[in-house]
Amino acid sequence: MKRKIVIKVPMHKDKDKSKAMKIVVAEEGVISVSIGKENDVLEVIGEGVDSVCLAKSLRKKFCFADIVSVAEVKPPAPPSPEKCLLQPCFYPPTPLYEWQYYDRGPTNNCSIM
């Protein structure tokens, strides 16, 4: 079962962000990591990830890590067949162009000589 874990960590510099990302990715079961809308929030999606161990490992480096929320990620529901009706598309026919080449015969009219 996939879970979305939101952890608040003080990350003021880009170096802090990369350190936090490396720590989180090293945990077993992590699928994706992103930095939230606020720069101090890490959003971790994983399967079988222990949020407490993740927070402890972040506290070792940053001295502060607060678990904001842990929620189950539900797969998106497939669209119902009633709403997903395919409409036929009719495209206008492609115009055909004809090229005709008219041969004027041999011309030896050289303007240089």
PDB file of N, CA and C in Angstrom:
ATOM      1  N   MET A   1       0.843  -1.169   0.000  1.00  0.00           N
ATOM      2  CA  MET A   1       0.000   0.000   0.000  1.00  0.00           C
ATOM      3  C   MET A   1       0.893   1.238   0.000  1.00  0.00           C
ATOM      4  N   LYS A   2       0.630   2.117  -0.949  1.00  0.00           N
ATOM      5  CA  LYS A   2       1.429   3.338  -1.070  1.00  0.00           C
ATOM      6  C   LYS A   2       0.968   4.364  -0.048  1.00  0.00           C
ATOM      7  N   ARG A   3       1.946   5.099   0.469  1.00  0.00           N
ATOM      8  CA  ARG A   3       1.656   6.159   1.423  1.00  0.00           C
ATOM      9  C   ARG A   3       2.337   7.445   0.998  1.00  0.00           C
ATOM     10  N   LYS A   4       1.691   8.543   1.317  1.00  0.00           N
ATOM     11  CA  LYS A   4       2.277   9.863   1.098  1.00  0.00           C
ATOM     12  C   LYS A   4       2.596  10.448   2.462  1.00  0.00           C
ATOM     13  N   ILE A   5       3.888  10.706   2.670  1.00  0.00           N
ATOM     14  CA  ILE A   5       4.357  11.230   3.945  1.00  0.00           C
ATOM     15  C   ILE A   5       4.838  12.656   3.719  1.00  0.00           C
ATOM     16  N   VAL A   6       4.323  13.576   4.501  1.00  0.00           N
ATOM     17  CA  VAL A   6       4.727  14.982   4.415  1.00  0.00           C
ATOM     18  C   VAL A   6       5.514  15.317   5.670  1.00  0.00           C
ATOM     19  N   ILE A   7       6.766  15.754   5.478  1.00  0.00           N
ATOM     20  CA  ILE A   7       7.662  16.061   6.596  1.00  0.00           C
ATOM     21  C   ILE A   7       8.162  17.487   6.447  1.00  0.00           C
ATOM     22  N   LYS A   8       8.103  18.236   7.539  1.00  0.00           N
ATOM     23  CA  LYS A   8       8.605  19.606   7.535  1.00  0.00           C
ATOM     24  C   LYS A   8      10.038  19.609   8.049  1.00  0.00           C
ATOM     25  N   VAL A   9      10.946  20.085   7.213  1.00  0.00           N
ATOM     26  CA  VAL A   9      12.384  20.127   7.526  1.00  0.00           C
ATOM     27  C   VAL A   9      12.887  21.519   7.154  1.00  0.00           C
ATOM     28  N   PRO A  10      13.660  22.180   8.022  1.00  0.00           N
ATOM     29  CA  PRO A  10      14.186  23.504   7.652  1.00  0.00           C
ATOM     30  C   PRO A  10      15.296  23.377   6.600  1.00  0.00           C
ATOM     31  N   MET A  11      14.984  23.797   5.388  1.00  0.00           N
ATOM     32  CA  MET A  11      15.961  23.758   4.287  1.00  0.00           C
ATOM     33  C   MET A  11      16.059  25.170   3.718  1.00  0.00           C
ATOM     34  N   HIS A  12      17.129  25.867   4.044  1.00  0.00           N
ATOM     35  CA  HIS A  12      17.270  27.250   3.628  1.00  0.00           C
ATOM     36  C   HIS A  12      18.097  27.398   2.359  1.00  0.00           C
ATOM     37  N   LYS A  13      18.985  26.465   2.121  1.00  0.00           N
ATOM     38  CA  LYS A  13      19.878  26.541   0.962  1.00  0.00           C
ATOM     39  C   LYS A  13      19.623  25.361   0.039  1.00  0.00           C
ATOM     40  N   ASP A  14      20.131  25.475  -1.181  1.00  0.00           N
ATOM     41  CA  ASP A  14      20.005  24.376  -2.142  1.00  0.00           C
ATOM     42  C   ASP A  14      20.779  23.148  -1.674  1.00  0.00           C
ATOM     43  N   LYS A  15      21.889  23.376  -0.978  1.00  0.00           N
ATOM     44  CA  LYS A  15      22.693  22.273  -0.464  1.00  0.00           C
ATOM     45  C   LYS A  15      21.894  21.476   0.572  1.00  0.00           C
ATOM     46  N   ASP A  16      21.124  22.171   1.407  1.00  0.00           N
ATOM     47  CA  ASP A  16      20.277  21.493   2.383  1.00  0.00           C
ATOM     48  C   ASP A  16      19.208  20.652   1.700  1.00  0.00           C
ATOM     49  N   LYS A  17      18.658  21.172   0.618  1.00  0.00           N
ATOM     50  CA  LYS A  17      17.626  20.444  -0.121  1.00  0.00           C
ATOM     51  C   LYS A  17      18.195  19.158  -0.714  1.00  0.00           C
ATOM     52  N   SER A  18      19.382  19.249  -1.282  1.00  0.00           N
ATOM     53  CA  SER A  18      19.984  18.053  -1.882  1.00  0.00           C
ATOM     54  C   SER A  18      20.359  17.029  -0.810  1.00  0.00           C
ATOM     55  N   LYS A  19      20.811  17.487   0.367  1.00  0.00           N
ATOM     56  CA  LYS A  19      21.124  16.569   1.470  1.00  0.00           C
ATOM     57  C   LYS A  19      19.861  15.835   1.925  1.00  0.00           C
ATOM     58  N   ALA A  20      18.784  16.575   2.077  1.00  0.00           N
ATOM     59  CA  ALA A  20      17.527  15.969   2.521  1.00  0.00           C
ATOM     60  C   ALA A  20      17.026  14.961   1.497  1.00  0.00           C
ATOM     61  N   MET A  21      17.136  15.293   0.225  1.00  0.00           N
ATOM     62  CA  MET A  21      16.689  14.378  -0.832  1.00  0.00           C
ATOM     63  C   MET A  21      17.526  13.103  -0.811  1.00  0.00           C
ATOM     64  N   LYS A  22      18.849  13.219  -0.607  1.00  0.00           N
ATOM     65  CA  LYS A  22      19.718  12.038  -0.563  1.00  0.00           C
ATOM     66  C   LYS A  22      19.364  11.138   0.616  1.00  0.00           C
ATOM     67  N   ILE A  23      19.071  11.734   1.763  1.00  0.00           N
ATOM     68  CA  ILE A  23      18.723  10.954   2.944  1.00  0.00           C
ATOM     69  C   ILE A  23      17.420  10.188   2.707  1.00  0.00           C
ATOM     70  N   VAL A  24      16.437  10.871   2.132  1.00  0.00           N
ATOM     71  CA  VAL A  24      15.135  10.246   1.923  1.00  0.00           C
ATOM     72  C   VAL A  24      15.215   9.143   0.873  1.00  0.00           C
ATOM     73  N   VAL A  25      15.950   9.370  -0.188  1.00  0.00           N
ATOM     74  CA  VAL A  25      16.052   8.380  -1.263  1.00  0.00           C
ATOM     75  C   VAL A  25      16.776   7.122  -0.785  1.00  0.00           C
ATOM     76  N   ALA A  26      17.661   7.254   0.205  1.00  0.00           N
ATOM     77  CA  ALA A  26      18.396   6.104   0.718  1.00  0.00           C
ATOM     78  C   ALA A  26      17.500   5.148   1.500  1.00  0.00           C
ATOM     79  N   GLU A  27      16.346   5.605   1.954  1.00  0.00           N
ATOM     80  CA  GLU A  27      15.427   4.741   2.700  1.00  0.00           C
ATOM     81  C   GLU A  27      14.815   3.688   1.775  1.00  0.00           C
ATOM     82  N   GLU A  28      14.504   2.550   2.342  1.00  0.00           N
ATOM     83  CA  GLU A  28      13.961   1.439   1.567  1.00  0.00           C
ATOM     84  C   GLU A  28      12.473   1.636   1.302  1.00  0.00           C
ATOM     85  N   GLY A  29      12.063   1.464   0.058  1.00  0.00           N
ATOM     86  CA  GLY A  29      10.656   1.548  -0.316  1.00  0.00           C
ATOM     87  C   GLY A  29      10.218   2.884  -0.857  1.00  0.00           C
ATOM     88  N   VAL A  30      11.102   3.868  -0.921  1.00  0.00           N
ATOM     89  CA  VAL A  30      10.738   5.200  -1.416  1.00  0.00           C
ATOM     90  C   VAL A  30      10.608   5.153  -2.937  1.00  0.00           C
ATOM     91  N   ILE A  31       9.484   5.636  -3.439  1.00  0.00           N
ATOM     92  CA  ILE A  31       9.237   5.669  -4.877  1.00  0.00           C
ATOM     93  C   ILE A  31       9.565   7.039  -5.455  1.00  0.00           C
ATOM     94  N   SER A  32       9.077   8.102  -4.805  1.00  0.00           N
ATOM     95  CA  SER A  32       9.353   9.450  -5.302  1.00  0.00           C
ATOM     96  C   SER A  32       9.444  10.433  -4.144  1.00  0.00           C
ATOM     97  N   VAL A  33      10.225  11.483  -4.374  1.00  0.00           N
ATOM     98  CA  VAL A  33      10.421  12.540  -3.379  1.00  0.00           C
ATOM     99  C   VAL A  33      10.276  13.869  -4.101  1.00  0.00           C
ATOM    100  N   SER A  34       9.582  14.807  -3.480  1.00  0.00           N
ATOM    101  CA  SER A  34       9.483  16.142  -4.062  1.00  0.00           C
ATOM    102  C   SER A  34       9.448  17.167  -2.940  1.00  0.00           C
ATOM    103  N   ILE A  35       9.846  18.372  -3.294  1.00  0.00           N
ATOM    104  CA  ILE A  35       9.795  19.482  -2.346  1.00  0.00           C
ATOM    105  C   ILE A  35       8.474  20.187  -2.582  1.00  0.00           C
ATOM    106  N   GLY A  36       7.720  20.388  -1.507  1.00  0.00           N
ATOM    107  CA  GLY A  36       6.383  20.952  -1.614  1.00  0.00           C
ATOM    108  C   GLY A  36       6.382  22.404  -2.041  1.00  0.00           C
ATOM    109  N   LYS A  37       5.196  22.981  -2.036  1.00  0.00           N
ATOM    110  CA  LYS A  37       5.038  24.377  -2.438  1.00  0.00           C
ATOM    111  C   LYS A  37       5.840  25.300  -1.527  1.00  0.00           C
ATOM    112  N   GLU A  38       5.802  24.987  -0.254  1.00  0.00           N
ATOM    113  CA  GLU A  38       6.675  25.702   0.671  1.00  0.00           C
ATOM    114  C   GLU A  38       8.033  25.014   0.608  1.00  0.00           C
ATOM    115  N   ASN A  39       9.111  25.747   0.717  1.00  0.00           N
ATOM    116  CA  ASN A  39      10.443  25.159   0.570  1.00  0.00           C
ATOM    117  C   ASN A  39      10.828  24.261   1.733  1.00  0.00           C
ATOM    118  N   ASP A  40      10.117  24.304   2.833  1.00  0.00           N
ATOM    119  CA  ASP A  40      10.487  23.517   4.008  1.00  0.00           C
ATOM    120  C   ASP A  40       9.715  22.204   4.119  1.00  0.00           C
ATOM    121  N   VAL A  41       9.039  21.777   3.069  1.00  0.00           N
ATOM    122  CA  VAL A  41       8.193  20.592   3.142  1.00  0.00           C
ATOM    123  C   VAL A  41       8.668  19.550   2.133  1.00  0.00           C
ATOM    124  N   LEU A  42       8.898  18.324   2.625  1.00  0.00           N
ATOM    125  CA  LEU A  42       9.248  17.195   1.764  1.00  0.00           C
ATOM    126  C   LEU A  42       8.029  16.297   1.624  1.00  0.00           C
ATOM    127  N   GLU A  43       7.702  15.926   0.400  1.00  0.00           N
ATOM    128  CA  GLU A  43       6.598  15.004   0.145  1.00  0.00           C
ATOM    129  C   GLU A  43       7.193  13.702  -0.367  1.00  0.00           C
ATOM    130  N   VAL A  44       7.029  12.646   0.400  1.00  0.00           N
ATOM    131  CA  VAL A  44       7.612  11.343   0.089  1.00  0.00           C
ATOM    132  C   VAL A  44       6.486  10.370  -0.225  1.00  0.00           C
ATOM    133  N   ILE A  45       6.590   9.692  -1.351  1.00  0.00           N
ATOM    134  CA  ILE A  45       5.635   8.658  -1.712  1.00  0.00           C
ATOM    135  C   ILE A  45       6.398   7.349  -1.777  1.00  0.00           C
ATOM    136  N   GLY A  46       5.903   6.356  -1.044  1.00  0.00           N
ATOM    137  CA  GLY A  46       6.595   5.083  -1.012  1.00  0.00           C
ATOM    138  C   GLY A  46       5.708   3.954  -0.554  1.00  0.00           C
ATOM    139  N   GLU A  47       6.246   2.776  -0.689  1.00  0.00           N
ATOM    140  CA  GLU A  47       5.517   1.575  -0.300  1.00  0.00           C
ATOM    141  C   GLU A  47       6.275   0.907   0.833  1.00  0.00           C
ATOM    142  N   GLY A  48       5.668   0.830   1.998  1.00  0.00           N
ATOM    143  CA  GLY A  48       6.310   0.225   3.156  1.00  0.00           C
ATOM    144  C   GLY A  48       7.364   1.105   3.796  1.00  0.00           C
ATOM    145  N   VAL A  49       7.265   2.406   3.662  1.00  0.00           N
ATOM    146  CA  VAL A  49       8.236   3.336   4.250  1.00  0.00           C
ATOM    147  C   VAL A  49       7.814   3.635   5.687  1.00  0.00           C
ATOM    148  N   ASP A  50       8.751   3.539   6.613  1.00  0.00           N
ATOM    149  CA  ASP A  50       8.483   3.857   8.011  1.00  0.00           C
ATOM    150  C   ASP A  50       8.707   5.353   8.208  1.00  0.00           C
ATOM    151  N   SER A  51       7.642   6.069   8.516  1.00  0.00           N
ATOM    152  CA  SER A  51       7.735   7.530   8.629  1.00  0.00           C
ATOM    153  C   SER A  51       8.560   7.954   9.838  1.00  0.00           C
ATOM    154  N   VAL A  52       8.515   7.183  10.914  1.00  0.00           N
ATOM    155  CA  VAL A  52       9.265   7.536  12.123  1.00  0.00           C
ATOM    156  C   VAL A  52      10.769   7.393  11.865  1.00  0.00           C
ATOM    157  N   CYS A  53      11.183   6.296  11.232  1.00  0.00           N
ATOM    158  CA  CYS A  53      12.610   6.107  10.915  1.00  0.00           C
ATOM    159  C   CYS A  53      13.098   7.172   9.937  1.00  0.00           C
ATOM    160  N   LEU A  54      12.225   7.549   9.017  1.00  0.00           N
ATOM    161  CA  LEU A  54      12.574   8.592   8.053  1.00  0.00           C
ATOM    162  C   LEU A  54      12.784   9.925   8.762  1.00  0.00           C
ATOM    163  N   ALA A  55      11.918  10.259   9.703  1.00  0.00           N
ATOM    164  CA  ALA A  55      12.058  11.499  10.455  1.00  0.00           C
ATOM    165  C   ALA A  55      13.306  11.476  11.325  1.00  0.00           C
ATOM    166  N   LYS A  56      13.622  10.307  11.940  1.00  0.00           N
ATOM    167  CA  LYS A  56      14.824  10.199  12.768  1.00  0.00           C
ATOM    168  C   LYS A  56      16.089  10.410  11.947  1.00  0.00           C
ATOM    169  N   SER A  57      16.129   9.839  10.753  1.00  0.00           N
ATOM    170  CA  SER A  57      17.323  10.003   9.919  1.00  0.00           C
ATOM    171  C   SER A  57      17.468  11.447   9.444  1.00  0.00           C
ATOM    172  N   LEU A  58      16.364  12.142   9.240  1.00  0.00           N
ATOM    173  CA  LEU A  58      16.439  13.564   8.873  1.00  0.00           C
ATOM    174  C   LEU A  58      16.849  14.415  10.074  1.00  0.00           C
ATOM    175  N   ARG A  59      16.445  14.022  11.271  1.00  0.00           N
ATOM    176  CA  ARG A  59      16.815  14.773  12.483  1.00  0.00           C
ATOM    177  C   ARG A  59      18.307  14.684  12.763  1.00  0.00           C
ATOM    178  N   LYS A  60      18.942  13.583  12.366  1.00  0.00           N
ATOM    179  CA  LYS A  60      20.386  13.451  12.578  1.00  0.00           C
ATOM    180  C   LYS A  60      21.144  14.536  11.833  1.00  0.00           C
ATOM    181  N   LYS A  61      20.688  14.905  10.644  1.00  0.00           N
ATOM    182  CA  LYS A  61      21.377  15.908   9.835  1.00  0.00           C
ATOM    183  C   LYS A  61      20.880  17.325  10.115  1.00  0.00           C
ATOM    184  N   PHE A  62      19.552  17.475  10.289  1.00  0.00           N
ATOM    185  CA  PHE A  62      18.970  18.815  10.363  1.00  0.00           C
ATOM    186  C   PHE A  62      18.514  19.221  11.763  1.00  0.00           C
ATOM    187  N   CYS A  63      18.570  18.337  12.735  1.00  0.00           N
ATOM    188  CA  CYS A  63      18.186  18.601  14.120  1.00  0.00           C
ATOM    189  C   CYS A  63      16.701  18.900  14.294  1.00  0.00           C
ATOM    190  N   PHE A  64      15.954  18.974  13.228  1.00  0.00           N
ATOM    191  CA  PHE A  64      14.522  19.208  13.328  1.00  0.00           C
ATOM    192  C   PHE A  64      13.847  18.595  12.114  1.00  0.00           C
ATOM    193  N   ALA A  65      12.876  17.751  12.365  1.00  0.00           N
ATOM    194  CA  ALA A  65      12.047  17.177  11.312  1.00  0.00           C
ATOM    195  C   ALA A  65      10.718  16.819  11.934  1.00  0.00           C
ATOM    196  N   ASP A  66       9.656  17.381  11.417  1.00  0.00           N
ATOM    197  CA  ASP A  66       8.336  17.193  11.985  1.00  0.00           C
ATOM    198  C   ASP A  66       7.446  16.510  10.953  1.00  0.00           C
ATOM    199  N   ILE A  67       6.810  15.410  11.355  1.00  0.00           N
ATOM    200  CA  ILE A  67       5.890  14.719  10.463  1.00  0.00           C
ATOM    201  C   ILE A  67       4.574  15.488  10.454  1.00  0.00           C
ATOM    202  N   VAL A  68       4.213  15.996   9.284  1.00  0.00           N
ATOM    203  CA  VAL A  68       2.987  16.778   9.158  1.00  0.00           C
ATOM    204  C   VAL A  68       1.797  15.859   8.932  1.00  0.00           C
ATOM    205  N   SER A  69       1.910  14.934   7.983  1.00  0.00           N
ATOM    206  CA  SER A  69       0.802  14.027   7.713  1.00  0.00           C
ATOM    207  C   SER A  69       1.299  12.748   7.054  1.00  0.00           C
ATOM    208  N   VAL A  70       0.538  11.697   7.261  1.00  0.00           N
ATOM    209  CA  VAL A  70       0.754  10.416   6.604  1.00  0.00           C
ATOM    210  C   VAL A  70      -0.601   9.992   6.054  1.00  0.00           C
ATOM    211  N   ALA A  71      -0.678   9.815   4.749  1.00  0.00           N
ATOM    212  CA  ALA A  71      -1.951   9.459   4.118  1.00  0.00           C
ATOM    213  C   ALA A  71      -1.735   8.355   3.099  1.00  0.00           C
ATOM    214  N   GLU A  72      -2.768   7.597   2.877  1.00  0.00           N
ATOM    215  CA  GLU A  72      -2.715   6.529   1.890  1.00  0.00           C
ATOM    216  C   GLU A  72      -2.990   7.109   0.508  1.00  0.00           C
ATOM    217  N   VAL A  73      -2.191   6.694  -0.462  1.00  0.00           N
ATOM    218  CA  VAL A  73      -2.381   7.158  -1.837  1.00  0.00           C
ATOM    219  C   VAL A  73      -3.302   6.173  -2.536  1.00  0.00           C
ATOM    220  N   LYS A  74      -4.434   6.657  -2.952  1.00  0.00           N
ATOM    221  CA  LYS A  74      -5.392   5.808  -3.651  1.00  0.00           C
ATOM    222  C   LYS A  74      -5.180   5.951  -5.159  1.00  0.00           C
ATOM    223  N   PRO A  75      -5.241   4.852  -5.888  1.00  0.00           N
ATOM    224  CA  PRO A  75      -5.092   4.953  -7.336  1.00  0.00           C
ATOM    225  C   PRO A  75      -6.285   5.691  -7.929  1.00  0.00           C
ATOM    226  N   PRO A  76      -6.072   6.417  -9.002  1.00  0.00           N
ATOM    227  CA  PRO A  76      -7.191   7.145  -9.600  1.00  0.00           C
ATOM    228  C   PRO A  76      -8.250   6.170 -10.121  1.00  0.00           C
ATOM    229  N   ALA A  77      -9.488   6.534  -9.914  1.00  0.00           N
ATOM    230  CA  ALA A  77     -10.588   5.685 -10.349  1.00  0.00           C
ATOM    231  C   ALA A  77     -10.697   5.715 -11.871  1.00  0.00           C
ATOM    232  N   PRO A  78     -10.929   4.564 -12.484  1.00  0.00           N
ATOM    233  CA  PRO A  78     -11.074   4.566 -13.942  1.00  0.00           C
ATOM    234  C   PRO A  78     -12.358   5.292 -14.337  1.00  0.00           C
ATOM    235  N   PRO A  79     -12.343   5.951 -15.449  1.00  0.00           N
ATOM    236  CA  PRO A  79     -13.547   6.681 -15.856  1.00  0.00           C
ATOM    237  C   PRO A  79     -14.684   5.703 -16.171  1.00  0.00           C
ATOM    238  N   SER A  80     -15.888   6.118 -15.841  1.00  0.00           N
ATOM    239  CA  SER A  80     -17.039   5.256 -16.092  1.00  0.00           C
ATOM    240  C   SER A  80     -17.308   5.201 -17.593  1.00  0.00           C
ATOM    241  N   PRO A  81     -17.798   4.087 -18.087  1.00  0.00           N
ATOM    242  CA  PRO A  81     -18.022   3.972 -19.528  1.00  0.00           C
ATOM    243  C   PRO A  81     -19.099   4.914 -20.046  1.00  0.00           C
ATOM    244  N   GLU A  82     -20.013   5.358 -19.179  1.00  0.00           N
ATOM    245  CA  GLU A  82     -21.063   6.268 -19.624  1.00  0.00           C
ATOM    246  C   GLU A  82     -20.497   7.642 -19.977  1.00  0.00           C
ATOM    247  N   LYS A  83     -19.503   8.081 -19.222  1.00  0.00           N
ATOM    248  CA  LYS A  83     -18.943   9.407 -19.452  1.00  0.00           C
ATOM    249  C   LYS A  83     -17.939   9.410 -20.598  1.00  0.00           C
ATOM    250  N   CYS A  84     -17.394   8.265 -20.896  1.00  0.00           N
ATOM    251  CA  CYS A  84     -16.326   8.186 -21.885  1.00  0.00           C
ATOM    252  C   CYS A  84     -16.880   7.671 -23.208  1.00  0.00           C
ATOM    253  N   LEU A  85     -17.698   8.447 -23.838  1.00  0.00           N
ATOM    254  CA  LEU A  85     -18.235   8.067 -25.138  1.00  0.00           C
ATOM    255  C   LEU A  85     -17.340   8.632 -26.226  1.00  0.00           C
ATOM    256  N   LEU A  86     -16.954   7.788 -27.116  1.00  0.00           N
ATOM    257  CA  LEU A  86     -16.095   8.235 -28.208  1.00  0.00           C
ATOM    258  C   LEU A  86     -16.959   8.821 -29.321  1.00  0.00           C
ATOM    259  N   GLN A  87     -16.618  10.002 -29.722  1.00  0.00           N
ATOM    260  CA  GLN A  87     -17.313  10.661 -30.799  1.00  0.00           C
ATOM    261  C   GLN A  87     -16.539  10.448 -32.097  1.00  0.00           C
ATOM    262  N   PRO A  88     -17.205  10.093 -33.163  1.00  0.00           N
ATOM    263  CA  PRO A  88     -16.475   9.926 -34.421  1.00  0.00           C
ATOM    264  C   PRO A  88     -15.989  11.279 -34.930  1.00  0.00           C
ATOM    265  N   CYS A  89     -14.801  11.287 -35.461  1.00  0.00           N
ATOM    266  CA  CYS A  89     -14.224  12.513 -35.998  1.00  0.00           C
ATOM    267  C   CYS A  89     -14.255  12.440 -37.522  1.00  0.00           C
ATOM    268  N   PHE A  90     -14.766  13.468 -38.135  1.00  0.00           N
ATOM    269  CA  PHE A  90     -14.793  13.530 -39.581  1.00  0.00           C
ATOM    270  C   PHE A  90     -13.875  14.654 -40.028  1.00  0.00           C
ATOM    271  N   TYR A  91     -12.915  14.309 -40.828  1.00  0.00           N
ATOM    272  CA  TYR A  91     -11.970  15.283 -41.343  1.00  0.00           C
ATOM    273  C   TYR A  91     -12.311  15.557 -42.801  1.00  0.00           C
ATOM    274  N   PRO A  92     -12.141  16.790 -43.245  1.00  0.00           N
ATOM    275  CA  PRO A  92     -12.411  17.064 -44.667  1.00  0.00           C
ATOM    276  C   PRO A  92     -11.402  16.318 -45.534  1.00  0.00           C
ATOM    277  N   PRO A  93     -11.795  15.960 -46.728  1.00  0.00           N
ATOM    278  CA  PRO A  93     -10.866  15.230 -47.596  1.00  0.00           C
ATOM    279  C   PRO A  93      -9.668  16.102 -47.965  1.00  0.00           C
ATOM    280  N   THR A  94      -8.561  15.451 -48.156  1.00  0.00           N
ATOM    281  CA  THR A  94      -7.333  16.157 -48.516  1.00  0.00           C
ATOM    282  C   THR A  94      -7.408  16.563 -49.986  1.00  0.00           C
ATOM    283  N   PRO A  95      -7.132  17.843 -50.284  1.00  0.00           N
ATOM    284  CA  PRO A  95      -7.185  18.251 -51.695  1.00  0.00           C
ATOM    285  C   PRO A  95      -6.043  17.615 -52.489  1.00  0.00           C
ATOM    286  N   LEU A  96      -6.354  17.227 -53.691  1.00  0.00           N
ATOM    287  CA  LEU A  96      -5.350  16.643 -54.572  1.00  0.00           C
ATOM    288  C   LEU A  96      -4.900  17.698 -55.574  1.00  0.00           C
ATOM    289  N   TYR A  97      -3.629  17.804 -55.759  1.00  0.00           N
ATOM    290  CA  TYR A  97      -3.071  18.752 -56.706  1.00  0.00           C
ATOM    291  C   TYR A  97      -2.443  17.980 -57.855  1.00  0.00           C
ATOM    292  N   GLU A  98      -2.694  18.458 -59.069  1.00  0.00           N
ATOM    293  CA  GLU A  98      -2.104  17.814 -60.237  1.00  0.00           C
ATOM    294  C   GLU A  98      -1.031  18.722 -60.809  1.00  0.00           C
ATOM    295  N   TRP A  99       0.059  18.103 -61.189  1.00  0.00           N
ATOM    296  CA  TRP A  99       1.143  18.830 -61.810  1.00  0.00           C
ATOM    297  C   TRP A  99       1.214  18.394 -63.270  1.00  0.00           C
ATOM    298  N   GLN A 100       1.239  19.361 -64.122  1.00  0.00           N
ATOM    299  CA  GLN A 100       1.374  19.046 -65.541  1.00  0.00           C
ATOM    300  C   GLN A 100       2.609  19.751 -66.074  1.00  0.00           C
ATOM    301  N   TYR A 101       3.374  18.997 -66.817  1.00  0.00           N
ATOM    302  CA  TYR A 101       4.598  19.532 -67.385  1.00  0.00           C
ATOM    303  C   TYR A 101       4.411  19.615 -68.891  1.00  0.00           C
ATOM    304  N   TYR A 102       4.579  20.797 -69.418  1.00  0.00           N
ATOM    305  CA  TYR A 102       4.450  21.004 -70.855  1.00  0.00           C
ATOM    306  C   TYR A 102       5.833  21.125 -71.460  1.00  0.00           C
ATOM    307  N   ASP A 103       6.133  20.274 -72.374  1.00  0.00           N
ATOM    308  CA  ASP A 103       7.428  20.300 -73.055  1.00  0.00           C
ATOM    309  C   ASP A 103       7.313  21.214 -74.253  1.00  0.00           C
ATOM    310  N   ARG A 104       8.151  22.213 -74.330  1.00  0.00           N
ATOM    311  CA  ARG A 104       8.119  23.174 -75.439  1.00  0.00           C
ATOM    312  C   ARG A 104       8.999  22.736 -76.604  1.00  0.00           C
ATOM    313  N   GLY A 105       9.594  21.621 -76.460  1.00  0.00           N
ATOM    314  CA  GLY A 105      10.455  21.143 -77.538  1.00  0.00           C
ATOM    315  C   GLY A 105      11.877  21.627 -77.349  1.00  0.00           C
ATOM    316  N   PRO A 106      12.760  21.233 -78.261  1.00  0.00           N
ATOM    317  CA  PRO A 106      14.158  21.650 -78.133  1.00  0.00           C
ATOM    318  C   PRO A 106      14.326  23.134 -78.424  1.00  0.00           C
ATOM    319  N   THR A 107      14.960  23.803 -77.547  1.00  0.00           N
ATOM    320  CA  THR A 107      15.235  25.231 -77.752  1.00  0.00           C
ATOM    321  C   THR A 107      16.737  25.424 -77.702  1.00  0.00           C
ATOM    322  N   ASN A 108      17.262  25.985 -78.749  1.00  0.00           N
ATOM    323  CA  ASN A 108      18.675  26.288 -78.827  1.00  0.00           C
ATOM    324  C   ASN A 108      18.898  27.789 -78.842  1.00  0.00           C
ATOM    325  N   ASN A 109      18.062  28.522 -78.285  1.00  0.00           N
ATOM    326  CA  ASN A 109      18.193  29.966 -78.262  1.00  0.00           C
ATOM    327  C   ASN A 109      19.107  30.369 -77.121  1.00  0.00           C
ATOM    328  N   CYS A 110      20.335  30.509 -77.407  1.00  0.00           N
ATOM    329  CA  CYS A 110      21.312  30.895 -76.405  1.00  0.00           C
ATOM    330  C   CYS A 110      21.538  32.389 -76.540  1.00  0.00           C
ATOM    331  N   SER A 111      21.340  33.118 -75.472  1.00  0.00           N
ATOM    332  CA  SER A 111      21.457  34.570 -75.542  1.00  0.00           C
ATOM    333  C   SER A 111      22.889  35.040 -75.437  1.00  0.00           C
ATOM    334  N   ILE A 112      23.813  34.155 -75.037  1.00  0.00           N
ATOM    335  CA  ILE A 112      25.205  34.574 -74.900  1.00  0.00           C
ATOM    336  C   ILE A 112      25.882  34.634 -76.270  1.00  0.00           C
ATOM    337  N   MET A 113      25.580  33.721 -77.147  1.00  0.00           N
ATOM    338  CA  MET A 113      26.244  33.683 -78.442  1.00  0.00           C
ATOM    339  C   MET A 113      25.479  34.362 -79.501  1.00  0.00           C
TER     340      MET A 113
END
